[in-house]
Every structure is written in C-alpha cells, then in structure tokens.
C-alpha atoms as a PDB file:
ATOM      1  CA  MET A   1      10.689 -10.631   3.260  1.00  0.00           C
ATOM      2  CA  LEU A   2       9.043  -7.504   0.935  1.00  0.00           C
ATOM      3  CA  PRO A   3      11.040  -6.863  -2.350  1.00  0.00           C
ATOM      4  CA  THR A   4      12.423  -2.880  -1.958  1.00  0.00           C
ATOM      5  CA  ILE A   5      10.664   0.231  -3.561  1.00  0.00           C
ATOM      6  CA  HIS A   6      13.535   0.141  -6.274  1.00  0.00           C
ATOM      7  CA  GLN A   7      12.675  -3.770  -7.379  1.00  0.00           C
ATOM      8  CA  PHE A   8       9.048  -2.830  -7.267  1.00  0.00           C
ATOM      9  CA  MET A   9       9.861   0.097  -9.991  1.00  0.00           C
ATOM     10  CA  GLN A  10      12.178  -2.651 -11.666  1.00  0.00           C
ATOM     11  CA  ALA A  11       9.227  -5.032 -12.250  1.00  0.00           C
ATOM     12  CA  LEU A  12       6.779  -1.999 -13.073  1.00  0.00           C
ATOM     13  CA  ARG A  13       9.451  -2.084 -16.383  1.00  0.00           C
ATOM     14  CA  SER A  14       9.487  -5.069 -17.503  1.00  0.00           C
ATOM     15  CA  PRO A  15       5.699  -6.635 -16.204  1.00  0.00           C
ATOM     16  CA  ALA A  16       6.140  -9.785 -18.490  1.00  0.00           C
ATOM     17  CA  ASP A  17       8.884 -10.820 -16.718  1.00  0.00           C
ATOM     18  CA  SER A  18       7.830  -9.321 -13.062  1.00  0.00           C
ATOM     19  CA  PHE A  19       3.883 -10.022 -12.820  1.00  0.00           C
ATOM     20  CA  THR A  20       1.748 -13.011 -13.126  1.00  0.00           C
ATOM     21  CA  THR A  21      -1.913 -11.235 -14.501  1.00  0.00           C
ATOM     22  CA  LEU A  22      -0.845  -8.079 -15.009  1.00  0.00           C
ATOM     23  CA  GLN A  23       2.319  -8.930 -17.911  1.00  0.00           C
ATOM     24  CA  ARG A  24       0.336  -6.211 -20.461  1.00  0.00           C
ATOM     25  CA  ALA A  25       0.200  -3.254 -18.079  1.00  0.00           C
ATOM     26  CA  LYS A  26       1.908  -0.362 -19.073  1.00  0.00           C
ATOM     27  CA  VAL A  27       3.250   1.497 -16.437  1.00  0.00           C
ATOM     28  CA  VAL A  28       2.746   5.904 -16.630  1.00  0.00           C
ATOM     29  CA  CYS A  29       6.007   7.648 -16.466  1.00  0.00           C
ATOM     30  CA  GLY A  30       7.829  10.924 -16.238  1.00  0.00           C
ATOM     31  CA  SER A  31       9.645  12.780 -18.391  1.00  0.00           C
ATOM     32  CA  ASP A  32      12.853  11.296 -17.195  1.00  0.00           C
ATOM     33  CA  GLY A  33      11.306   7.693 -18.498  1.00  0.00           C
ATOM     34  CA  LEU A  34      10.656   6.964 -14.920  1.00  0.00           C
ATOM     35  CA  PRO A  35       7.417   4.776 -13.533  1.00  0.00           C
ATOM     36  CA  ILE A  36       5.975   7.882 -11.246  1.00  0.00           C
ATOM     37  CA  LEU A  37       5.805   6.724  -7.167  1.00  0.00           C
ATOM     38  CA  ARG A  38       3.655   7.476  -5.429  1.00  0.00           C
ATOM     39  CA  ARG A  39       4.860   6.285  -1.498  1.00  0.00           C
ATOM     40  CA  THR A  40       3.357   6.549   2.611  1.00  0.00           C
ATOM     41  CA  THR A  41       4.910   5.235   5.374  1.00  0.00           C
ATOM     42  CA  ARG A  42       2.740   1.976   4.598  1.00  0.00           C
ATOM     43  CA  TYR A  43       2.351   2.045   0.766  1.00  0.00           C
ATOM     44  CA  VAL A  44       3.975   2.420  -2.726  1.00  0.00           C
ATOM     45  CA  GLU A  45       1.526   2.824  -5.587  1.00  0.00           C
ATOM     46  CA  ALA A  46       1.839   3.769  -9.236  1.00  0.00           C
ATOM     47  CA  GLU A  47      -0.603   4.261 -11.949  1.00  0.00           C
ATOM     48  CA  ILE A  48      -1.204   1.511 -14.699  1.00  0.00           C
ATOM     49  CA  THR A  49      -2.853   0.953 -17.857  1.00  0.00           C
ATOM     50  CA  LEU A  50      -3.932  -2.312 -18.861  1.00  0.00           C
ATOM     51  CA  ASP A  51      -6.307  -3.113 -21.726  1.00  0.00           C
ATOM     52  CA  GLY A  52      -7.238   0.458 -22.163  1.00  0.00           C
ATOM     53  CA  ALA A  53      -8.038   1.139 -18.433  1.00  0.00           C
ATOM     54  CA  ARG A  54      -6.101   2.610 -15.984  1.00  0.00           C
ATOM     55  CA  TYR A  55      -5.280   1.556 -12.714  1.00  0.00           C
ATOM     56  CA  LEU A  56      -2.992   1.775  -9.227  1.00  0.00           C
ATOM     57  CA  LEU A  57      -1.107  -0.787  -8.774  1.00  0.00           C
ATOM     58  CA  SER A  58      -0.288  -0.938  -4.711  1.00  0.00           C
ATOM     59  CA  MET A  59       2.350  -3.057  -2.923  1.00  0.00           C
ATOM     60  CA  PRO A  60       2.361  -2.800   1.036  1.00  0.00           C
ATOM     61  CA  LEU A  61       5.450  -2.131   2.465  1.00  0.00           C
ATOM     62  CA  SER A  62       5.369  -4.094   5.625  1.00  0.00           C
ATOM     63  CA  THR A  63       3.643  -6.879   7.111  1.00  0.00           C
ATOM     64  CA  ALA A  64       1.857  -5.550   8.965  1.00  0.00           C
ATOM     65  CA  ALA A  65       0.202  -3.448   6.066  1.00  0.00           C
ATOM     66  CA  ALA A  66      -0.433  -6.521   3.787  1.00  0.00           C
ATOM     67  CA  ALA A  67      -2.563  -8.134   6.358  1.00  0.00           C
ATOM     68  CA  GLN A  68      -5.098  -5.709   7.252  1.00  0.00           C
ATOM     69  CA  CYS A  69      -5.016  -4.942   3.745  1.00  0.00           C
ATOM     70  CA  GLU A  70      -5.895  -8.350   3.109  1.00  0.00           C
ATOM     71  CA  ARG A  71      -8.745  -8.683   5.220  1.00  0.00           C
ATOM     72  CA  THR A  72     -10.711  -5.053   3.926  1.00  0.00           C
ATOM     73  CA  LEU A  73     -10.078  -5.291   0.641  1.00  0.00           C
ATOM     74  CA  THR A  74     -11.564  -9.286   0.843  1.00  0.00           C
ATOM     75  CA  ALA A  75     -14.507  -7.521   3.034  1.00  0.00           C
ATOM     76  CA  LEU A  76     -14.961  -4.513   0.270  1.00  0.00           C
ATOM     77  CA  GLN A  77     -14.971  -7.217  -2.523  1.00  0.00           C
ATOM     78  CA  ARG A  78     -18.399  -8.859  -1.575  1.00  0.00           C
ATOM     79  CA  LEU A  79     -20.050  -5.528  -1.971  1.00  0.00           C
ATOM     80  CA  ASN A  80     -21.796  -4.443  -5.500  1.00  0.00           C
ATOM     81  CA  HIS A  81     -22.087  -0.569  -5.080  1.00  0.00           C
ATOM     82  CA  PRO A  82     -21.871   2.451  -7.588  1.00  0.00           C
ATOM     83  CA  ALA A  83     -20.406   4.047  -5.335  1.00  0.00           C
ATOM     84  CA  LEU A  84     -17.599   1.444  -4.664  1.00  0.00           C
ATOM     85  CA  ALA A  85     -14.762   1.207  -7.743  1.00  0.00           C
ATOM     86  CA  ALA A  86     -13.504  -2.198  -7.777  1.00  0.00           C
ATOM     87  CA  VAL A  87     -10.154  -3.079  -6.062  1.00  0.00           C
ATOM     88  CA  ARG A  88      -8.835  -6.367  -6.393  1.00  0.00           C
ATOM     89  CA  TRP A  89      -6.298  -8.125  -3.778  1.00  0.00           C
ATOM     90  CA  LEU A  90      -3.397 -10.652  -6.013  1.00  0.00           C
ATOM     91  CA  PRO A  91      -2.199 -12.811  -4.026  1.00  0.00           C
ATOM     92  CA  GLY A  92       1.517 -13.892  -4.770  1.00  0.00           C
ATOM     93  CA  GLU A  93       1.185 -11.512  -8.027  1.00  0.00           C
ATOM     94  CA  GLY A  94       4.363  -9.863  -7.901  1.00  0.00           C
ATOM     95  CA  ARG A  95       8.046 -12.065  -8.170  1.00  0.00           C
ATOM     96  CA  PHE A  96      11.539 -10.494  -6.949  1.00  0.00           C
ATOM     97  CA  PHE A  97      14.635 -12.395  -6.914  1.00  0.00           C
ATOM     98  CA  THR A  98      16.486 -11.780  -2.772  1.00  0.00           C
ATOM     99  CA  PRO A  99      19.840 -10.813  -2.779  1.00  0.00           C
ATOM    100  CA  GLU A 100      20.616 -14.087  -2.496  1.00  0.00           C
ATOM    101  CA  GLY A 101      19.425 -14.712  -5.474  1.00  0.00           C
ATOM    102  CA  VAL A 102      16.567 -16.612  -4.409  1.00  0.00           C
ATOM    103  CA  VAL A 103      12.773 -16.214  -6.167  1.00  0.00           C
ATOM    104  CA  ARG A 104       9.703 -14.695  -4.206  1.00  0.00           C
ATOM    105  CA  THR A 105       6.219 -13.301  -4.601  1.00  0.00           C
ATOM    106  CA  VAL A 106       4.734 -10.508  -2.493  1.00  0.00           C
ATOM    107  CA  ASN A 107       0.776  -9.422  -2.884  1.00  0.00           C
ATOM    108  CA  LEU A 108      -0.328  -6.720  -4.597  1.00  0.00           C
ATOM    109  CA  VAL A 109      -3.506  -4.856  -5.207  1.00  0.00           C
ATOM    110  CA  LEU A 110      -5.002  -3.334  -8.391  1.00  0.00           C
ATOM    111  CA  GLN A 111      -7.412  -0.776  -8.012  1.00  0.00           C
ATOM    112  CA  ALA A 112      -9.889   0.634 -10.693  1.00  0.00           C
ATOM    113  CA  LEU A 113      -9.273   4.482 -11.811  1.00  0.00           C
ATOM    114  CA  PRO A 114     -13.213   5.166 -12.754  1.00  0.00           C
ATOM    115  CA  GLY A 115     -13.981   8.521 -14.501  1.00  0.00           C
ATOM    116  CA  ALA A 116     -11.850  11.392 -14.235  1.00  0.00           C
ATOM    117  CA  ALA A 117     -10.189  12.959 -10.856  1.00  0.00           C
ATOM    118  CA  LEU A 118     -11.859  15.575  -8.586  1.00  0.00           C
ATOM    119  CA  GLU A 119      -8.647  17.822  -9.248  1.00  0.00           C
ATOM    120  CA  GLU A 120      -9.981  17.541 -12.723  1.00  0.00           C
ATOM    121  CA  ALA A 121     -13.731  17.439 -12.571  1.00  0.00           C
ATOM    122  CA  VAL A 122     -14.583  21.000 -10.712  1.00  0.00           C
ATOM    123  CA  PHE A 123     -14.046  22.940 -13.379  1.00  0.00           C
ATOM    124  CA  ARG A 124     -17.446  21.011 -15.368  1.00  0.00           C
ATOM    125  CA  LEU A 125     -19.449  21.360 -11.787  1.00  0.00           C
ATOM    126  CA  SER A 126     -21.131  24.113 -10.026  1.00  0.00           C
ATOM    127  CA  SER A 127     -20.584  23.946  -6.313  1.00  0.00           C
ATOM    128  CA  GLN A 128     -24.461  23.128  -6.011  1.00  0.00           C
ATOM    129  CA  GLU A 129     -23.737  19.898  -8.316  1.00  0.00           C
ATOM    130  CA  LEU A 130     -20.516  19.486  -5.715  1.00  0.00           C
ATOM    131  CA  GLU A 131     -22.787  19.574  -2.351  1.00  0.00           C
ATOM    132  CA  GLU A 132     -25.231  17.080  -3.714  1.00  0.00           C
ATOM    133  CA  ALA A 133     -22.849  14.672  -4.618  1.00  0.00           C
ATOM    134  CA  ILE A 134     -20.958  14.720  -1.111  1.00  0.00           C
ATOM    135  CA  GLU A 135     -24.903  14.707   0.273  1.00  0.00           C
ATOM    136  CA  GLN A 136     -25.182  11.330  -1.678  1.00  0.00           C
ATOM    137  CA  LEU A 137     -21.662  10.149  -0.365  1.00  0.00           C
ATOM    138  CA  LYS A 138     -22.558  10.492   3.383  1.00  0.00           C
ATOM    139  CA  ARG A 139     -25.923   8.440   2.487  1.00  0.00           C
ATOM    140  CA  ASP A 140     -23.585   5.675   0.379  1.00  0.00           C
ATOM    141  CA  LEU A 141     -21.445   5.143   2.523  1.00  0.00           C
ATOM    142  CA  GLU A 142     -24.157   4.663   5.971  1.00  0.00           C
ATOM    143  CA  ALA A 143     -26.018   2.507   3.341  1.00  0.00           C
ATOM    144  CA  LEU A 144     -22.566   0.351   3.368  1.00  0.00           C
ATOM    145  CA  ASN A 145     -21.445   0.306   6.918  1.00  0.00           C
ATOM    146  CA  LEU A 146     -18.755   1.257   5.761  1.00  0.00           C
ATOM    147  CA  ALA A 147     -15.859   3.999   7.111  1.00  0.00           C
ATOM    148  CA  HIS A 148     -13.063   5.335   4.738  1.00  0.00           C
ATOM    149  CA  ASN A 149     -11.077   7.054   7.289  1.00  0.00           C
ATOM    150  CA  ASN A 150      -9.199   8.805   4.532  1.00  0.00           C
ATOM    151  CA  LEU A 151     -11.172  10.675   2.692  1.00  0.00           C
ATOM    152  CA  LYS A 152      -9.446  13.695   0.440  1.00  0.00           C
ATOM    153  CA  ALA A 153     -10.100  15.606  -2.605  1.00  0.00           C
ATOM    154  CA  GLU A 154      -7.128  13.196  -3.943  1.00  0.00           C
ATOM    155  CA  ASN A 155      -8.588   9.981  -2.879  1.00  0.00           C
ATOM    156  CA  LEU A 156     -12.296  11.124  -4.769  1.00  0.00           C
ATOM    157  CA  ARG A 157     -13.273  10.276  -8.103  1.00  0.00           C
ATOM    158  CA  TRP A 158     -16.489  11.263 -10.681  1.00  0.00           C
ATOM    159  CA  ALA A 159     -17.675   8.473 -12.406  1.00  0.00           C
ATOM    160  CA  ASN A 160     -20.878   8.783 -13.627  1.00  0.00           C
ATOM    161  CA  GLY A 161     -22.185  11.874 -11.710  1.00  0.00           C
ATOM    162  CA  ARG A 162     -21.153  10.368  -8.364  1.00  0.00           C
ATOM    163  CA  LEU A 163     -17.893  11.085  -6.321  1.00  0.00           C
ATOM    164  CA  VAL A 164     -16.135   7.874  -5.947  1.00  0.00           C
ATOM    165  CA  PRO A 165     -14.069   6.824  -3.369  1.00  0.00           C
ATOM    166  CA  ILE A 166     -10.455   4.593  -3.785  1.00  0.00           C
ATOM    167  CA  ARG A 167      -7.732   3.700  -1.670  1.00  0.00           C
ATOM    168  CA  TYR A 168      -9.489   1.764   0.961  1.00  0.00           C
ATOM    169  CA  PHE A 169      -6.310   1.178   2.592  1.00  0.00           C
ATOM    170  CA  ASP A 170      -7.905   2.846   5.858  1.00  0.00           C
ATOM    171  CA  ALA A 171     -11.417   2.071   5.346  1.00  0.00           C
ATOM    172  CA  THR A 172     -13.021  -0.045   7.873  1.00  0.00           C
ATOM    173  CA  LEU A 173     -16.726  -2.353   7.875  1.00  0.00           C
ATOM    174  CA  GLY A 174     -19.310  -1.807  10.525  1.00  0.00           C
ATOM    175  CA  GLY A 175     -20.454   1.549  10.473  1.00  0.00           C
ATOM    176  CA  ALA A 176     -20.205   5.238   8.611  1.00  0.00           C
ATOM    177  CA  SER A 177     -17.728   7.869  10.634  1.00  0.00           C
ATOM    178  CA  GLU A 178     -18.320  11.165  11.641  1.00  0.00           C
ATOM    179  CA  ARG A 179     -14.498  11.534  10.716  1.00  0.00           C
ATOM    180  CA  ASP A 180     -15.322  11.344   6.560  1.00  0.00           C
ATOM    181  CA  HIS A 181     -18.728  13.392   7.000  1.00  0.00           C
ATOM    182  CA  ARG A 182     -16.007  16.178   8.073  1.00  0.00           C
ATOM    183  CA  ALA A 183     -13.661  15.397   5.638  1.00  0.00           C
ATOM    184  CA  LEU A 184     -16.370  16.161   3.320  1.00  0.00           C
ATOM    185  CA  GLU A 185     -17.604  18.972   4.265  1.00  0.00           C
ATOM    186  CA  ALA A 186     -13.961  20.179   4.206  1.00  0.00           C
ATOM    187  CA  ILE A 187     -13.527  19.595   0.556  1.00  0.00           C
ATOM    188  CA  TYR A 188     -16.688  21.398  -0.203  1.00  0.00           C
ATOM    189  CA  THR A 189     -15.578  23.990   1.591  1.00  0.00           C
ATOM    190  CA  GLU A 190     -12.360  24.549  -0.491  1.00  0.00           C
ATOM    191  CA  LEU A 191     -13.326  23.760  -3.314  1.00  0.00           C
ATOM    192  CA  ALA A 192     -15.794  25.272  -4.171  1.00  0.00           C
ATOM    193  CA  GLY A 193     -16.487  29.325  -4.621  1.00  0.00           C
ATOM    194  CA  ASP A 194     -18.971  31.845  -3.974  1.00  0.00           C
ATOM    195  CA  ASP A 195     -20.128  32.467  -7.538  1.00  0.00           C
ATOM    196  CA  GLU A 196     -21.272  28.792  -8.046  1.00  0.00           C
ATOM    197  CA  HIS A 197     -18.262  28.622  -9.575  1.00  0.00           C
ATOM    198  CA  PHE A 198     -14.948  27.482  -9.171  1.00  0.00           C
ATOM    199  CA  VAL A 199     -11.415  28.581  -9.229  1.00  0.00           C
ATOM    200  CA  SER A 200      -8.378  27.317 -11.028  1.00  0.00           C
ATOM    201  CA  ASP A 201      -5.917  28.828  -9.291  1.00  0.00           C
ATOM    202  CA  CYS A 202      -5.707  27.310  -5.578  1.00  0.00           C
ATOM    203  CA  ASP A 203      -3.511  27.729  -2.544  1.00  0.00           C
ATOM    204  CA  LEU A 204      -0.585  25.146  -1.778  1.00  0.00           C
ATOM    205  CA  PRO A 205      -0.563  23.943   1.251  1.00  0.00           C
ATOM    206  CA  TYR A 206       1.867  25.388   3.747  1.00  0.00           C
ATOM    207  CA  ASP A 207       4.774  23.214   5.410  1.00  0.00           C
ATOM    208  CA  PRO A 208       6.883  25.093   8.166  1.00  0.00           C
ATOM    209  CA  ILE A 209       8.960  22.142   8.591  1.00  0.00           C
ATOM    210  CA  PRO A 210      12.006  22.940   6.987  1.00  0.00           C
ATOM    211  CA  LYS A 211      13.413  20.543   4.289  1.00  0.00           C
ATOM    212  CA  LEU A 212      15.239  17.461   5.591  1.00  0.00           C
ATOM    213  CA  ILE A 213      18.476  16.783   3.384  1.00  0.00           C
ATOM    214  CA  GLY A 214      20.751  13.540   3.837  1.00  0.00           C
ATOM    215  CA  HIS A 215      17.635  11.239   3.773  1.00  0.00           C
ATOM    216  CA  LYS A 216      16.278   8.184   1.434  1.00  0.00           C
ATOM    217  CA  TRP A 217      12.770   9.295   2.121  1.00  0.00           C
ATOM    218  CA  VAL A 218      11.149  11.392   4.651  1.00  0.00           C
ATOM    219  CA  GLY A 219       7.942  11.324   6.351  1.00  0.00           C
ATOM    220  CA  HIS A 220       5.770  13.960   8.118  1.00  0.00           C
ATOM    221  CA  GLU A 221       5.941  14.922  11.346  1.00  0.00           C
ATOM    222  CA  PHE A 222       4.123  13.713  14.184  1.00  0.00           C
ATOM    223  CA  GLU A 223       3.922  14.411  17.778  1.00  0.00           C
ATOM    224  CA  GLY A 224       7.218  16.284  17.328  1.00  0.00           C
ATOM    225  CA  LEU A 225       9.027  12.740  15.651  1.00  0.00           C
ATOM    226  CA  ILE A 226       9.878  12.673  11.675  1.00  0.00           C
ATOM    227  CA  CYS A 227      10.313   9.198  10.092  1.00  0.00           C
ATOM    228  CA  VAL A 228      13.037   8.661   8.025  1.00  0.00           C
ATOM    229  CA  GLU A 229      14.774   6.418   5.812  1.00  0.00           C
ATOM    230  CA  ASP A 230      18.525   6.339   5.714  1.00  0.00           C
ATOM    231  CA  THR A 231      21.322   3.331   4.193  1.00  0.00           C
ATOM    232  CA  GLU A 232      21.468   1.843   8.028  1.00  0.00           C
ATOM    233  CA  GLY A 233      17.469   1.663   7.593  1.00  0.00           C
ATOM    234  CA  PHE A 234      14.234   3.831   9.378  1.00  0.00           C
ATOM    235  CA  GLY A 235      14.533   5.942  12.674  1.00  0.00           C
ATOM    236  CA  TYR A 236      13.430   9.385  13.698  1.00  0.00           C
ATOM    237  CA  VAL A 237      14.413  12.898  13.642  1.00  0.00           C
ATOM    238  CA  ASP A 238      12.931  16.226  14.556  1.00  0.00           C
ATOM    239  CA  ALA A 239      12.271  19.104  13.426  1.00  0.00           C
ATOM    240  CA  ALA A 240      15.885  20.391  13.534  1.00  0.00           C
ATOM    241  CA  ASN A 241      16.824  17.132  11.908  1.00  0.00           C
ATOM    242  CA  ARG A 242      18.481  15.541  15.233  1.00  0.00           C
ATOM    243  CA  TYR A 243      18.060  12.283  15.492  1.00  0.00           C
ATOM    244  CA  ILE A 244      15.863  11.365  18.277  1.00  0.00           C
ATOM    245  CA  ILE A 245      15.739   7.235  17.846  1.00  0.00           C
ATOM    246  CA  ALA A 246      18.511   6.243  15.318  1.00  0.00           C
ATOM    247  CA  PRO A 247      18.096   4.112  12.341  1.00  0.00           C
ATOM    248  CA  ARG A 248      18.041   0.604  13.055  1.00  0.00           C
ATOM    249  CA  PHE A 249      14.515  -0.883  11.809  1.00  0.00           C
ATOM    250  CA  CYS A 250      14.209  -2.731   8.609  1.00  0.00           C
ATOM    251  CA  TRP A 251      10.966  -0.375   8.363  1.00  0.00           C
ATOM    252  CA  ALA A 252       8.601   1.793  11.358  1.00  0.00           C
ATOM    253  CA  ASP A 253       5.769   3.978  11.086  1.00  0.00           C
ATOM    254  CA  ASP A 254       4.369   7.100  12.365  1.00  0.00           C
ATOM    255  CA  PHE A 255       3.659   7.805  15.882  1.00  0.00           C
ATOM    256  CA  HIS A 256       0.777   7.762  17.497  1.00  0.00           C
ATOM    257  CA  GLU A 257      -0.231   8.727  20.994  1.00  0.00           C
ATOM    258  CA  GLY A 258       3.523   7.766  21.917  1.00  0.00           C
ATOM    259  CA  ARG A 259       4.150   4.487  20.833  1.00  0.00           C
ATOM    260  CA  ALA A 260       4.740   3.762  16.930  1.00  0.00           C
ATOM    261  CA  VAL A 261       5.463   0.650  15.542  1.00  0.00           C
ATOM    262  CA  VAL A 262       8.627  -1.006  13.807  1.00  0.00           C
ATOM    263  CA  GLN A 263      10.122  -3.782  12.179  1.00  0.00           C
ATOM    264  CA  THR A 264      13.550  -5.794  12.448  1.00  0.00           C
ATOM    265  CA  GLU A 265      14.660  -9.160  11.082  1.00  0.00           C
ATOM    266  CA  GLN A 266      13.657 -11.021  13.730  1.00  0.00           C
ATOM    267  CA  GLY A 267       9.857  -9.471  13.718  1.00  0.00           C
ATOM    268  CA  MET A 268       7.085  -6.586  14.512  1.00  0.00           C
ATOM    269  CA  GLY A 269       7.724  -4.794  17.526  1.00  0.00           C
ATOM    270  CA  LEU A 270       5.986  -1.277  18.786  1.00  0.00           C
ATOM    271  CA  ILE A 271       8.468   1.458  20.248  1.00  0.00           C
ATOM    272  CA  ASP A 272       7.575   4.499  22.779  1.00  0.00           C
ATOM    273  CA  ARG A 273       9.042   7.951  21.848  1.00  0.00           C
ATOM    274  CA  GLU A 274      12.611   6.755  23.310  1.00  0.00           C
ATOM    275  CA  GLY A 275      13.067   3.953  21.445  1.00  0.00           C
ATOM    276  CA  ARG A 276      12.981   1.232  23.819  1.00  0.00           C
ATOM    277  CA  PHE A 277       9.934  -1.824  22.682  1.00  0.00           C
ATOM    278  CA  VAL A 278       7.125  -1.424  24.625  1.00  0.00           C
ATOM    279  CA  LEU A 279       6.137  -4.647  23.036  1.00  0.00           C
ATOM    280  CA  PRO A 280       9.069  -6.576  21.824  1.00  0.00           C
ATOM    281  CA  PRO A 281      10.029  -7.268  17.997  1.00  0.00           C
ATOM    282  CA  ILE A 282       9.147 -11.379  18.220  1.00  0.00           C
ATOM    283  CA  TYR A 283       5.651 -11.365  15.815  1.00  0.00           C
ATOM    284  CA  GLU A 284       4.621 -11.753  12.388  1.00  0.00           C
ATOM    285  CA  VAL A 285       1.691  -8.860  12.670  1.00  0.00           C
ATOM    286  CA  VAL A 286       1.364  -6.008  14.964  1.00  0.00           C
ATOM    287  CA  GLU A 287      -1.017  -3.332  14.713  1.00  0.00           C
ATOM    288  CA  TYR A 288      -1.736  -0.228  17.084  1.00  0.00           C
ATOM    289  CA  HIS A 289      -5.051   1.245  17.474  1.00  0.00           C
ATOM    290  CA  ALA A 290      -4.185   4.437  19.004  1.00  0.00           C
ATOM    291  CA  ALA A 291      -7.472   5.791  19.543  1.00  0.00           C
ATOM    292  CA  GLU A 292      -8.527   2.414  21.874  1.00  0.00           C
ATOM    293  CA  THR A 293      -4.943   2.162  23.062  1.00  0.00           C
ATOM    294  CA  LEU A 294      -4.725  -1.612  22.112  1.00  0.00           C
ATOM    295  CA  ILE A 295      -2.600  -3.466  20.679  1.00  0.00           C
ATOM    296  CA  GLN A 296      -3.309  -6.825  18.551  1.00  0.00           C
ATOM    297  CA  ALA A 297      -0.399  -9.280  17.822  1.00  0.00           C
ATOM    298  CA  ARG A 298      -0.154 -12.064  15.724  1.00  0.00           C
ATOM    299  CA  GLN A 299       2.438 -14.923  16.458  1.00  0.00           C
ATOM    300  CA  GLY A 300       2.195 -18.504  14.568  1.00  0.00           C
ATOM    301  CA  GLY A 301      -1.197 -17.284  13.369  1.00  0.00           C
ATOM    302  CA  LEU A 302      -2.793 -16.692  16.111  1.00  0.00           C
ATOM    303  CA  TRP A 303      -3.721 -13.418  17.751  1.00  0.00           C
ATOM    304  CA  ALA A 304      -3.838 -11.623  21.043  1.00  0.00           C
ATOM    305  CA  ARG A 305      -4.363  -8.406  22.761  1.00  0.00           C
ATOM    306  CA  PHE A 306      -1.889  -5.810  24.749  1.00  0.00           C
ATOM    307  CA  ASP A 307      -2.616  -2.280  26.448  1.00  0.00           C
ATOM    308  CA  TYR A 308      -0.766   0.356  25.807  1.00  0.00           C
ATOM    309  CA  MET A 309       1.906  -0.416  28.136  1.00  0.00           C
ATOM    310  CA  GLY A 310       2.364  -3.696  26.528  1.00  0.00           C
ATOM    311  CA  ARG A 311       0.510  -6.256  29.140  1.00  0.00           C
ATOM    312  CA  GLN A 312      -1.148  -9.058  27.391  1.00  0.00           C
ATOM    313  CA  LEU A 313      -4.898  -9.178  27.656  1.00  0.00           C
ATOM    314  CA  THR A 314      -5.715 -12.303  26.428  1.00  0.00           C
ATOM    315  CA  PRO A 315      -4.688 -15.402  25.214  1.00  0.00           C
ATOM    316  CA  PHE A 316      -3.367 -15.844  21.632  1.00  0.00           C
ATOM    317  CA  GLY A 317      -6.229 -17.259  19.332  1.00  0.00           C
ATOM    318  CA  THR A 318      -7.447 -17.882  15.727  1.00  0.00           C
ATOM    319  CA  THR A 319     -10.069 -14.309  16.131  1.00  0.00           C
ATOM    320  CA  TYR A 320      -8.542 -11.019  14.777  1.00  0.00           C
ATOM    321  CA  GLU A 321     -11.348  -8.351  17.327  1.00  0.00           C
ATOM    322  CA  VAL A 322     -11.633  -5.339  14.971  1.00  0.00           C
END
C-alpha cells in the first residue's frame, strides 16, 4: 500500500516526524503556505532545501513506477559523470499511517538540482552557447549509453557551463536515443533566437481540450482517452468528459497502443480500451512496453513475459529482461 498525495503533503510539512534521513528538509511552498506539488500519472514531487542545497523529492504513485525507478536509479548511481545530476533511491525514507493506524514506509527519490533552470539560464546565454551545450550533451549521452527518454526544457539544468538533465524516471541504459536527439533539437529551435539572443516573451502551449471539471485530478489525452481520478477511483473519459471506463481502479496509467496498466486492491493488470482485462489484476508489478507491444509481469518476485493479447510467452523466472 502506497501513501496518498495528501499524506505525502503532510509528510513534507512535518519532516522531523515523517522522514528518516531528511528530517531537516524544508519544503518550498506557494503563496497559500502549502507545498508546491508537481504530479504526473506515476509520480508526485516537491522541491525541498536541505543544508543549503536544493533538491526534488519524489514519490512513486504505483508499485510499477517504484520498481522501474529502483532499477534505473540503482544503475545510474554507479555512473559518475558531470553530465548527470546526483540522484538517490531512498528505501523506506517516508513514514505514514494506514487508515487502520498501522505505520508503513515508502521509498522516495532525492534528486539534486544543480545550477539553474534552463528557462532562467537562457537569458544569459547566446544561441551559439546553447547549441554547443546541446551537442555536448548528445556526446555525453552517447558516451554513457544512456537514453533519458523525456528531455524537455523543464528537465534540463544549466550547471558549470553545461546542460545537465534531471528526472531520470524514464531513462534506460544500453544505448543513446534518437528520440533524445530530436528532443534536444526541438528545445534549441524553441529557445534560440535568430539574432543570437533569447526572447523573454514566449508563446504558451495551446490545449484544445476544454477544461474537464468534476474530478480530483485530470491527466492528458492519449488515444482519445483521458485518465481522471474521482472519489470512486481512477477511470477514463473522452474529450467531452463522458465516462468511457468507469472509475474503479486504485491507480491507472495512460493508454498506449490500446493498452493501459491499472492497479486494483488485488494487484496490477492490463486493460484494453473497453476496460476489459487483457491481463488480470493479480500481479505485483505489470510493465507494458508499447513500442514492442510486450508485457512483463511479476508474481511472487518472479518475472514472465506476455504478448499483446495477454498470452504468456515465458515461464516465471528471476531475470527481468529489458
């Protein structure tokens, strides 16, 4: 059982009682005095300060996200390179109470925030300096055999004269990514000015989907479906805010190639666009690799592979295959 976002916010406001090693941390709050949280479908994070340094403190929102994050960060911690920001996987760092009053722990991620945000640094840089830094980052990622897989301006810092990516939740080792190269080129195109200077007035992204009301949380549209959270749980609506899949899950991910990972009280599974289970919700962890239309599921600590239709391809074993 993972804590709720509300419990994470409470922990941030009372670190001495809620954390193991981060008891002196101070959370960055908004004008309302509440911690500023950033949430995706898989993580929630807040910026904190600790002993004069700035960090992002993140909590996985599902067991699948936690398992993937632990594997990735364990591998990254073995690398020592100036193009990588320090990041630590903190087992059992957070403490919270269940509705029955039982104390539980949760694993958290501590991500250093070196230098300045790229959005701030561009006002001090020329487009040539940015172009050189982007080319250097491409070479760094190739040297590290690392694919970040989520490069955008908000996930880049300017530190010691170079670009340093953060938020490694989607990163993979084993080869650089052409997707990263395209993302870096898009960042340069967006930020660099024709006259070798950057502009201070930028276009805001246009979202054609009308604001969906009546939900605790609303995700982004993927394949015509939008993940939402209501009192009853997670479900999916269309752009007109009509329920396509009723809110009955403890957690749900976005749809990709007609499949979405969900979590119930019994376990994790995989559903199709009609809400039918392709893989029953009986597993500890389910990971769906949309590009390969491949499913990997863990049961009793052992992993097995399944195809797009949910048919088992390999027996359960101890090896996790990327």
